[in-house]
Amino acid sequence: MTKQRIWYVEDPQNLEGTCCRCRMCELMCSFHHQQVGNPYRSRIRVVSLGKGVDIPVTCLNCEDAPCIHICPTGAMHRPQTDSMVVVDGDVCIGCGMCVEACPVGAVVVDAEEGTAFKCDLCGGEPQCVKYCPAGVLKLGESVQFSQHRRRGYARLLQGAPDSEGETVK
């Protein structure tokens, strides 16, 4: 299994390439997993930074995942060395230690079920990516997004002024 994750890919030079604050990703995620349109039961969260800036945040499937190391029951685990972190709801005791250990706040304990949950990529077809109207959520591997960022940076430099204040063309 390749190590894929959901990426927030914005283009600051294009207003249509930023989160439009609709929260459709949260609604579709919670509907897909719990059959309710409740953002508090979503595996992706849109964080508002004020001044019209919202950023979707989801699990990074950290290489050395702190949630796995701290879980007292082994509910948080990686089935294969190169796979994503998963939660075994039958083993989870809802202690919340994984929530505290997560560096990005992507793990949540469901108040209704009493167990932890996090992004599971919807079995390979993430609903947040599928229904994002701004198209800023993407599924892919690190190398793909590294290439995307290099291209974006090069485009930015193309229009940046040089050391004498002239625009580079």
N, C-alpha and C. Protein backbone atom coordinates (compact mmCIF):
# COMPACT_ATOMS: atom_id res chain seq x y z
N MET A 1 0.85 -1.18 0.00
CA MET A 1 0.00 0.00 0.00
C MET A 1 0.89 1.24 0.00
N THR A 2 0.58 2.18 -0.86
CA THR A 2 1.36 3.42 -0.89
C THR A 2 0.89 4.33 0.23
N LYS A 3 1.80 5.17 0.68
CA LYS A 3 1.48 6.06 1.78
C LYS A 3 0.83 7.34 1.24
N GLN A 4 -0.47 7.33 1.20
CA GLN A 4 -1.21 8.48 0.71
C GLN A 4 -1.80 9.23 1.89
N ARG A 5 -2.06 10.50 1.65
CA ARG A 5 -2.73 11.33 2.63
C ARG A 5 -3.49 12.41 1.90
N ILE A 6 -4.33 13.08 2.65
CA ILE A 6 -5.09 14.20 2.07
C ILE A 6 -4.27 15.46 2.29
N TRP A 7 -4.13 16.22 1.24
CA TRP A 7 -3.34 17.45 1.27
C TRP A 7 -4.25 18.64 1.00
N TYR A 8 -3.97 19.73 1.67
CA TYR A 8 -4.62 21.00 1.36
C TYR A 8 -3.68 21.73 0.42
N VAL A 9 -4.09 21.90 -0.82
CA VAL A 9 -3.25 22.50 -1.85
C VAL A 9 -3.91 23.80 -2.29
N GLU A 10 -3.33 24.91 -1.85
CA GLU A 10 -3.90 26.20 -2.22
C GLU A 10 -2.98 26.92 -3.18
N ASP A 11 -3.55 27.85 -3.88
CA ASP A 11 -2.79 28.69 -4.80
C ASP A 11 -3.06 30.14 -4.40
N PRO A 12 -2.15 30.75 -3.65
CA PRO A 12 -2.39 32.11 -3.17
C PRO A 12 -2.52 33.14 -4.28
N GLN A 13 -2.06 32.80 -5.48
CA GLN A 13 -2.20 33.72 -6.61
C GLN A 13 -3.58 33.64 -7.24
N ASN A 14 -4.39 32.67 -6.80
CA ASN A 14 -5.70 32.44 -7.40
C ASN A 14 -6.71 32.27 -6.27
N LEU A 15 -7.61 33.22 -6.10
CA LEU A 15 -8.57 33.16 -5.00
C LEU A 15 -9.46 31.93 -5.07
N GLU A 16 -9.67 31.39 -6.26
CA GLU A 16 -10.48 30.18 -6.39
C GLU A 16 -9.70 28.96 -5.90
N GLY A 17 -8.41 29.11 -5.67
CA GLY A 17 -7.58 28.01 -5.22
C GLY A 17 -7.35 28.03 -3.73
N THR A 18 -8.30 28.57 -2.96
CA THR A 18 -8.21 28.56 -1.50
C THR A 18 -9.51 27.99 -0.94
N CYS A 19 -9.46 27.59 0.30
CA CYS A 19 -10.66 27.04 0.96
C CYS A 19 -11.77 28.09 0.92
N CYS A 20 -12.94 27.68 0.46
CA CYS A 20 -14.06 28.62 0.33
C CYS A 20 -14.94 28.67 1.58
N ARG A 21 -14.54 27.98 2.64
CA ARG A 21 -15.19 28.04 3.95
C ARG A 21 -16.59 27.41 3.97
N CYS A 22 -16.89 26.55 3.03
CA CYS A 22 -18.23 25.96 2.96
C CYS A 22 -18.42 24.82 3.95
N ARG A 23 -17.33 24.19 4.36
CA ARG A 23 -17.31 23.06 5.30
C ARG A 23 -17.99 21.80 4.73
N MET A 24 -18.11 21.74 3.42
CA MET A 24 -18.68 20.57 2.77
C MET A 24 -17.85 19.32 3.08
N CYS A 25 -16.54 19.48 3.23
CA CYS A 25 -15.68 18.35 3.54
C CYS A 25 -16.08 17.71 4.87
N GLU A 26 -16.36 18.53 5.87
CA GLU A 26 -16.77 18.02 7.18
C GLU A 26 -18.12 17.31 7.09
N LEU A 27 -19.06 17.93 6.39
CA LEU A 27 -20.40 17.34 6.29
C LEU A 27 -20.39 16.02 5.55
N MET A 28 -19.68 15.96 4.43
CA MET A 28 -19.66 14.72 3.64
C MET A 28 -18.91 13.61 4.37
N CYS A 29 -17.89 13.97 5.13
CA CYS A 29 -17.15 12.97 5.92
C CYS A 29 -18.06 12.37 6.99
N SER A 30 -18.73 13.22 7.75
CA SER A 30 -19.59 12.71 8.82
C SER A 30 -20.78 11.94 8.26
N PHE A 31 -21.28 12.36 7.12
CA PHE A 31 -22.39 11.63 6.50
C PHE A 31 -21.92 10.26 6.03
N HIS A 32 -20.74 10.21 5.43
CA HIS A 32 -20.20 8.94 4.94
C HIS A 32 -19.97 7.94 6.07
N HIS A 33 -19.44 8.43 7.19
CA HIS A 33 -19.08 7.53 8.29
C HIS A 33 -20.20 7.30 9.31
N GLN A 34 -20.98 8.33 9.63
CA GLN A 34 -22.01 8.20 10.66
C GLN A 34 -23.44 8.43 10.16
N GLN A 35 -23.59 8.70 8.89
CA GLN A 35 -24.90 8.97 8.29
C GLN A 35 -25.60 10.17 8.93
N VAL A 36 -24.80 11.13 9.39
CA VAL A 36 -25.31 12.39 9.92
C VAL A 36 -24.46 13.53 9.37
N GLY A 37 -25.06 14.67 9.14
CA GLY A 37 -24.33 15.85 8.70
C GLY A 37 -23.89 16.65 9.91
N ASN A 38 -22.90 16.14 10.65
CA ASN A 38 -22.48 16.76 11.89
C ASN A 38 -20.96 16.95 11.85
N PRO A 39 -20.49 18.19 11.71
CA PRO A 39 -19.06 18.42 11.62
C PRO A 39 -18.26 17.94 12.83
N TYR A 40 -18.91 17.83 13.99
CA TYR A 40 -18.21 17.34 15.18
C TYR A 40 -17.93 15.84 15.12
N ARG A 41 -18.54 15.17 14.15
CA ARG A 41 -18.29 13.74 13.98
C ARG A 41 -17.52 13.47 12.68
N SER A 42 -16.86 14.51 12.22
CA SER A 42 -16.08 14.43 10.98
C SER A 42 -14.63 14.10 11.28
N ARG A 43 -13.99 13.47 10.34
CA ARG A 43 -12.58 13.11 10.47
C ARG A 43 -11.67 14.17 9.86
N ILE A 44 -12.25 15.19 9.31
CA ILE A 44 -11.51 16.36 8.83
C ILE A 44 -12.15 17.56 9.51
N ARG A 45 -11.36 18.52 9.89
CA ARG A 45 -11.88 19.71 10.57
C ARG A 45 -11.36 20.95 9.85
N VAL A 46 -12.25 21.88 9.63
CA VAL A 46 -11.86 23.16 9.06
C VAL A 46 -11.60 24.11 10.22
N VAL A 47 -10.37 24.62 10.26
CA VAL A 47 -9.96 25.51 11.34
C VAL A 47 -9.99 26.94 10.82
N SER A 48 -10.75 27.79 11.49
CA SER A 48 -10.84 29.19 11.11
C SER A 48 -9.74 29.97 11.81
N LEU A 49 -8.93 30.66 11.02
CA LEU A 49 -7.85 31.48 11.57
C LEU A 49 -8.24 32.96 11.60
N GLY A 50 -9.50 33.25 11.28
CA GLY A 50 -9.96 34.63 11.26
C GLY A 50 -9.62 35.32 9.95
N LYS A 51 -10.18 36.49 9.74
CA LYS A 51 -9.92 37.30 8.54
C LYS A 51 -10.14 36.52 7.26
N GLY A 52 -11.12 35.61 7.25
CA GLY A 52 -11.46 34.87 6.04
C GLY A 52 -10.51 33.75 5.69
N VAL A 53 -9.67 33.34 6.62
CA VAL A 53 -8.71 32.26 6.34
C VAL A 53 -9.15 31.02 7.10
N ASP A 54 -9.50 29.98 6.35
CA ASP A 54 -9.86 28.69 6.92
C ASP A 54 -8.96 27.63 6.30
N ILE A 55 -8.52 26.68 7.13
CA ILE A 55 -7.63 25.63 6.65
C ILE A 55 -8.18 24.27 7.09
N PRO A 56 -8.44 23.36 6.14
CA PRO A 56 -8.85 22.01 6.50
C PRO A 56 -7.67 21.23 7.08
N VAL A 57 -7.92 20.50 8.17
CA VAL A 57 -6.86 19.72 8.83
C VAL A 57 -7.34 18.28 8.98
N THR A 58 -6.48 17.34 8.63
CA THR A 58 -6.79 15.93 8.79
C THR A 58 -5.50 15.18 9.15
N CYS A 59 -5.64 13.90 9.41
CA CYS A 59 -4.51 13.07 9.83
C CYS A 59 -3.39 13.08 8.80
N LEU A 60 -2.16 13.19 9.29
CA LEU A 60 -0.99 13.17 8.41
C LEU A 60 -0.39 11.78 8.28
N ASN A 61 -0.94 10.80 9.02
CA ASN A 61 -0.36 9.45 9.03
C ASN A 61 1.14 9.54 9.24
N CYS A 62 1.51 10.19 10.34
CA CYS A 62 2.91 10.43 10.68
C CYS A 62 3.76 9.17 10.55
N GLU A 63 4.97 9.34 10.08
CA GLU A 63 5.90 8.22 9.94
C GLU A 63 6.12 7.54 11.30
N ASP A 64 6.42 8.34 12.31
CA ASP A 64 6.65 7.83 13.66
C ASP A 64 5.46 8.30 14.51
N ALA A 65 4.30 7.76 14.25
CA ALA A 65 3.02 8.24 14.81
C ALA A 65 2.96 8.19 16.33
N PRO A 66 2.89 9.36 16.99
CA PRO A 66 2.81 9.39 18.45
C PRO A 66 1.54 8.71 18.99
N CYS A 67 0.47 8.74 18.22
CA CYS A 67 -0.78 8.12 18.67
C CYS A 67 -0.61 6.61 18.85
N ILE A 68 0.20 6.00 18.01
CA ILE A 68 0.47 4.56 18.11
C ILE A 68 1.29 4.27 19.36
N HIS A 69 2.32 5.07 19.58
CA HIS A 69 3.23 4.83 20.71
C HIS A 69 2.55 5.00 22.06
N ILE A 70 1.58 5.90 22.15
CA ILE A 70 0.97 6.19 23.44
C ILE A 70 -0.27 5.34 23.73
N CYS A 71 -0.85 4.73 22.73
CA CYS A 71 -2.08 3.96 22.91
C CYS A 71 -1.83 2.75 23.83
N PRO A 72 -2.51 2.70 24.98
CA PRO A 72 -2.25 1.61 25.94
C PRO A 72 -2.81 0.25 25.53
N THR A 73 -3.73 0.22 24.56
CA THR A 73 -4.36 -1.04 24.19
C THR A 73 -3.93 -1.56 22.83
N GLY A 74 -3.21 -0.75 22.06
CA GLY A 74 -2.83 -1.14 20.70
C GLY A 74 -3.94 -0.89 19.69
N ALA A 75 -4.97 -0.16 20.10
CA ALA A 75 -6.07 0.15 19.17
C ALA A 75 -5.58 1.00 18.01
N MET A 76 -4.66 1.91 18.28
CA MET A 76 -4.03 2.70 17.23
C MET A 76 -2.86 1.89 16.72
N HIS A 77 -2.89 1.54 15.46
CA HIS A 77 -1.80 0.73 14.91
C HIS A 77 -1.70 0.91 13.41
N ARG A 78 -0.64 0.36 12.87
CA ARG A 78 -0.39 0.37 11.44
C ARG A 78 -0.36 -1.09 11.01
N PRO A 79 -1.39 -1.55 10.27
CA PRO A 79 -1.47 -2.97 9.91
C PRO A 79 -0.24 -3.49 9.16
N GLN A 80 0.34 -2.62 8.33
CA GLN A 80 1.55 -2.97 7.60
C GLN A 80 2.54 -1.83 7.78
N THR A 81 3.79 -2.11 7.62
CA THR A 81 4.83 -1.11 7.83
C THR A 81 4.59 0.18 7.05
N ASP A 82 4.17 0.06 5.81
CA ASP A 82 4.01 1.25 4.98
C ASP A 82 2.55 1.69 4.81
N SER A 83 1.67 1.23 5.70
CA SER A 83 0.26 1.60 5.57
C SER A 83 -0.10 2.76 6.51
N MET A 84 -1.32 3.20 6.41
CA MET A 84 -1.79 4.30 7.24
C MET A 84 -2.11 3.83 8.65
N VAL A 85 -2.20 4.77 9.57
CA VAL A 85 -2.57 4.49 10.95
C VAL A 85 -4.08 4.25 10.99
N VAL A 86 -4.49 3.18 11.66
CA VAL A 86 -5.91 2.86 11.79
C VAL A 86 -6.27 2.70 13.27
N VAL A 87 -7.57 2.79 13.54
CA VAL A 87 -8.08 2.63 14.90
C VAL A 87 -8.96 1.39 14.93
N ASP A 88 -8.69 0.50 15.86
CA ASP A 88 -9.54 -0.67 16.07
C ASP A 88 -10.55 -0.28 17.15
N GLY A 89 -11.76 0.04 16.74
CA GLY A 89 -12.81 0.47 17.66
C GLY A 89 -13.19 -0.57 18.69
N ASP A 90 -12.97 -1.84 18.39
CA ASP A 90 -13.28 -2.90 19.34
C ASP A 90 -12.27 -2.97 20.48
N VAL A 91 -11.07 -2.44 20.25
CA VAL A 91 -10.01 -2.49 21.25
C VAL A 91 -9.87 -1.15 21.98
N CYS A 92 -10.29 -0.07 21.33
CA CYS A 92 -10.17 1.28 21.90
C CYS A 92 -11.02 1.42 23.16
N ILE A 93 -10.42 2.01 24.20
CA ILE A 93 -11.14 2.23 25.46
C ILE A 93 -11.56 3.69 25.63
N GLY A 94 -11.26 4.52 24.64
CA GLY A 94 -11.68 5.93 24.68
C GLY A 94 -10.95 6.77 25.70
N CYS A 95 -9.71 6.40 26.05
CA CYS A 95 -8.97 7.13 27.08
C CYS A 95 -8.53 8.52 26.64
N GLY A 96 -8.39 8.73 25.33
CA GLY A 96 -8.03 10.04 24.80
C GLY A 96 -6.54 10.34 24.77
N MET A 97 -5.72 9.37 25.12
CA MET A 97 -4.28 9.62 25.09
C MET A 97 -3.80 9.90 23.67
N CYS A 98 -4.41 9.26 22.69
CA CYS A 98 -4.05 9.49 21.29
C CYS A 98 -4.40 10.92 20.86
N VAL A 99 -5.49 11.43 21.41
CA VAL A 99 -5.92 12.80 21.12
C VAL A 99 -4.84 13.76 21.60
N GLU A 100 -4.36 13.55 22.81
CA GLU A 100 -3.33 14.41 23.38
C GLU A 100 -2.01 14.29 22.63
N ALA A 101 -1.71 13.11 22.11
CA ALA A 101 -0.42 12.88 21.44
C ALA A 101 -0.40 13.39 20.00
N CYS A 102 -1.54 13.51 19.36
CA CYS A 102 -1.58 13.90 17.94
C CYS A 102 -1.05 15.32 17.75
N PRO A 103 0.00 15.48 16.94
CA PRO A 103 0.60 16.81 16.76
C PRO A 103 -0.26 17.81 16.00
N VAL A 104 -1.26 17.32 15.26
CA VAL A 104 -2.11 18.24 14.49
C VAL A 104 -3.56 18.25 14.94
N GLY A 105 -3.89 17.51 15.98
CA GLY A 105 -5.25 17.50 16.49
C GLY A 105 -6.23 16.75 15.61
N ALA A 106 -5.75 15.74 14.89
CA ALA A 106 -6.59 15.02 13.94
C ALA A 106 -7.33 13.83 14.54
N VAL A 107 -6.99 13.44 15.75
CA VAL A 107 -7.65 12.31 16.40
C VAL A 107 -8.69 12.86 17.37
N VAL A 108 -9.88 12.24 17.37
CA VAL A 108 -10.98 12.68 18.22
C VAL A 108 -11.60 11.46 18.88
N VAL A 109 -12.09 11.63 20.10
CA VAL A 109 -12.88 10.57 20.73
C VAL A 109 -14.34 10.93 20.52
N ASP A 110 -15.07 10.05 19.87
CA ASP A 110 -16.49 10.27 19.58
C ASP A 110 -17.28 10.21 20.88
N ALA A 111 -17.98 11.28 21.19
CA ALA A 111 -18.74 11.36 22.44
C ALA A 111 -19.86 10.31 22.50
N GLU A 112 -20.43 9.97 21.36
CA GLU A 112 -21.54 9.01 21.33
C GLU A 112 -21.06 7.56 21.42
N GLU A 113 -19.96 7.26 20.72
CA GLU A 113 -19.47 5.87 20.68
C GLU A 113 -18.40 5.60 21.74
N GLY A 114 -17.75 6.65 22.24
CA GLY A 114 -16.73 6.48 23.27
C GLY A 114 -15.43 5.88 22.78
N THR A 115 -15.18 5.96 21.48
CA THR A 115 -13.94 5.44 20.91
C THR A 115 -13.30 6.51 20.03
N ALA A 116 -12.00 6.36 19.83
CA ALA A 116 -11.26 7.31 19.00
C ALA A 116 -11.57 7.07 17.52
N PHE A 117 -11.46 8.15 16.76
CA PHE A 117 -11.52 8.01 15.30
C PHE A 117 -10.63 9.06 14.66
N LYS A 118 -10.23 8.76 13.43
CA LYS A 118 -9.38 9.63 12.63
C LYS A 118 -9.62 9.32 11.17
N CYS A 119 -9.05 10.08 10.30
CA CYS A 119 -9.23 9.87 8.87
C CYS A 119 -8.78 8.47 8.47
N ASP A 120 -9.63 7.82 7.68
CA ASP A 120 -9.29 6.50 7.15
C ASP A 120 -9.29 6.51 5.62
N LEU A 121 -9.26 7.70 5.05
CA LEU A 121 -9.27 7.92 3.60
C LEU A 121 -10.50 7.32 2.93
N CYS A 122 -11.53 7.06 3.71
CA CYS A 122 -12.80 6.53 3.19
C CYS A 122 -12.56 5.31 2.29
N GLY A 123 -11.63 4.47 2.70
CA GLY A 123 -11.36 3.27 1.92
C GLY A 123 -10.72 3.54 0.58
N GLY A 124 -10.09 4.69 0.42
CA GLY A 124 -9.41 5.02 -0.83
C GLY A 124 -10.12 6.04 -1.68
N GLU A 125 -11.34 6.41 -1.32
CA GLU A 125 -12.09 7.43 -2.06
C GLU A 125 -12.60 8.48 -1.07
N PRO A 126 -11.70 9.36 -0.60
CA PRO A 126 -12.08 10.34 0.42
C PRO A 126 -13.21 11.26 -0.04
N GLN A 127 -14.25 11.28 0.73
CA GLN A 127 -15.42 12.09 0.39
C GLN A 127 -15.11 13.58 0.47
N CYS A 128 -14.21 13.98 1.36
CA CYS A 128 -13.84 15.39 1.46
C CYS A 128 -13.20 15.87 0.16
N VAL A 129 -12.35 15.04 -0.42
CA VAL A 129 -11.70 15.38 -1.68
C VAL A 129 -12.73 15.40 -2.81
N LYS A 130 -13.58 14.40 -2.83
CA LYS A 130 -14.58 14.26 -3.89
C LYS A 130 -15.54 15.44 -3.94
N TYR A 131 -15.95 15.96 -2.79
CA TYR A 131 -16.97 16.99 -2.74
C TYR A 131 -16.45 18.40 -2.46
N CYS A 132 -15.15 18.61 -2.42
CA CYS A 132 -14.60 19.94 -2.17
C CYS A 132 -14.85 20.83 -3.39
N PRO A 133 -15.74 21.83 -3.27
CA PRO A 133 -16.06 22.66 -4.44
C PRO A 133 -14.90 23.54 -4.90
N ALA A 134 -13.99 23.88 -4.00
CA ALA A 134 -12.84 24.70 -4.38
C ALA A 134 -11.71 23.86 -4.97
N GLY A 135 -11.81 22.53 -4.81
CA GLY A 135 -10.79 21.64 -5.36
C GLY A 135 -9.44 21.74 -4.68
N VAL A 136 -9.40 22.19 -3.43
CA VAL A 136 -8.13 22.37 -2.74
C VAL A 136 -7.71 21.15 -1.92
N LEU A 137 -8.58 20.17 -1.78
CA LEU A 137 -8.23 18.93 -1.09
C LEU A 137 -7.87 17.89 -2.13
N LYS A 138 -6.72 17.29 -1.97
CA LYS A 138 -6.22 16.29 -2.92
C LYS A 138 -5.74 15.07 -2.17
N LEU A 139 -5.84 13.93 -2.81
CA LEU A 139 -5.30 12.68 -2.27
C LEU A 139 -4.06 12.33 -3.06
N GLY A 140 -2.97 12.06 -2.37
CA GLY A 140 -1.76 11.70 -3.07
C GLY A 140 -0.61 11.42 -2.14
N GLU A 141 0.52 11.13 -2.73
CA GLU A 141 1.74 10.84 -1.99
C GLU A 141 2.60 12.11 -1.89
N SER A 142 3.51 12.11 -0.94
CA SER A 142 4.36 13.28 -0.68
C SER A 142 5.07 13.76 -1.93
N VAL A 143 5.60 12.84 -2.73
CA VAL A 143 6.37 13.24 -3.91
C VAL A 143 5.51 14.04 -4.89
N GLN A 144 4.24 13.70 -5.01
CA GLN A 144 3.36 14.44 -5.91
C GLN A 144 3.20 15.88 -5.46
N PHE A 145 3.08 16.09 -4.15
CA PHE A 145 2.84 17.42 -3.65
C PHE A 145 4.12 18.23 -3.55
N SER A 146 5.23 17.55 -3.44
CA SER A 146 6.51 18.24 -3.50
C SER A 146 6.68 18.84 -4.89
N GLN A 147 6.35 18.07 -5.93
CA GLN A 147 6.43 18.56 -7.31
C GLN A 147 5.46 19.72 -7.52
N HIS A 148 4.26 19.60 -6.98
CA HIS A 148 3.25 20.67 -7.11
C HIS A 148 3.77 21.97 -6.48
N ARG A 149 4.34 21.86 -5.30
CA ARG A 149 4.84 23.05 -4.60
C ARG A 149 6.02 23.68 -5.35
N ARG A 150 6.88 22.86 -5.92
CA ARG A 150 8.01 23.41 -6.69
C ARG A 150 7.49 24.21 -7.88
N ARG A 151 6.49 23.66 -8.58
CA ARG A 151 5.93 24.38 -9.73
C ARG A 151 5.30 25.70 -9.29
N GLY A 152 4.58 25.66 -8.17
CA GLY A 152 3.96 26.89 -7.65
C GLY A 152 5.00 27.92 -7.27
N TYR A 153 6.08 27.47 -6.64
CA TYR A 153 7.15 28.38 -6.24
C TYR A 153 7.82 28.97 -7.48
N ALA A 154 8.04 28.17 -8.49
CA ALA A 154 8.66 28.65 -9.72
C ALA A 154 7.76 29.70 -10.39
N ARG A 155 6.43 29.46 -10.40
CA ARG A 155 5.49 30.45 -10.96
C ARG A 155 5.56 31.75 -10.16
N LEU A 156 5.67 31.62 -8.85
CA LEU A 156 5.76 32.80 -8.00
C LEU A 156 7.04 33.59 -8.31
N LEU A 157 8.14 32.87 -8.47
CA LEU A 157 9.41 33.53 -8.79
C LEU A 157 9.38 34.18 -10.17
N GLN A 158 8.64 33.59 -11.07
CA GLN A 158 8.55 34.12 -12.43
C GLN A 158 8.04 35.56 -12.41
N GLY A 159 7.16 35.87 -11.50
CA GLY A 159 6.61 37.23 -11.43
C GLY A 159 7.22 38.06 -10.33
N ALA A 160 8.24 37.52 -9.64
CA ALA A 160 8.86 38.24 -8.53
C ALA A 160 9.90 39.23 -9.03
N PRO A 161 10.07 40.35 -8.32
CA PRO A 161 11.12 41.30 -8.72
C PRO A 161 12.50 40.75 -8.41
N ASP A 162 13.49 41.10 -9.26
CA ASP A 162 14.87 40.68 -9.00
C ASP A 162 15.51 41.64 -8.00
N SER A 163 16.80 41.51 -7.79
CA SER A 163 17.50 42.32 -6.79
C SER A 163 17.49 43.81 -7.10
N GLU A 164 17.28 44.20 -8.37
CA GLU A 164 17.21 45.62 -8.73
C GLU A 164 15.78 46.12 -8.82
N GLY A 165 14.82 45.30 -8.42
CA GLY A 165 13.42 45.74 -8.43
C GLY A 165 12.69 45.49 -9.74
N GLU A 166 13.37 44.88 -10.70
CA GLU A 166 12.75 44.57 -11.98
C GLU A 166 12.04 43.23 -11.88
N THR A 167 10.90 43.10 -12.55
CA THR A 167 10.17 41.85 -12.54
C THR A 167 10.87 40.82 -13.41
N VAL A 168 11.11 39.64 -12.85
CA VAL A 168 11.76 38.55 -13.57
C VAL A 168 10.76 37.96 -14.54
N LYS A 169 11.19 37.80 -15.80
CA LYS A 169 10.29 37.22 -16.82
C LYS A 169 10.92 36.01 -17.45
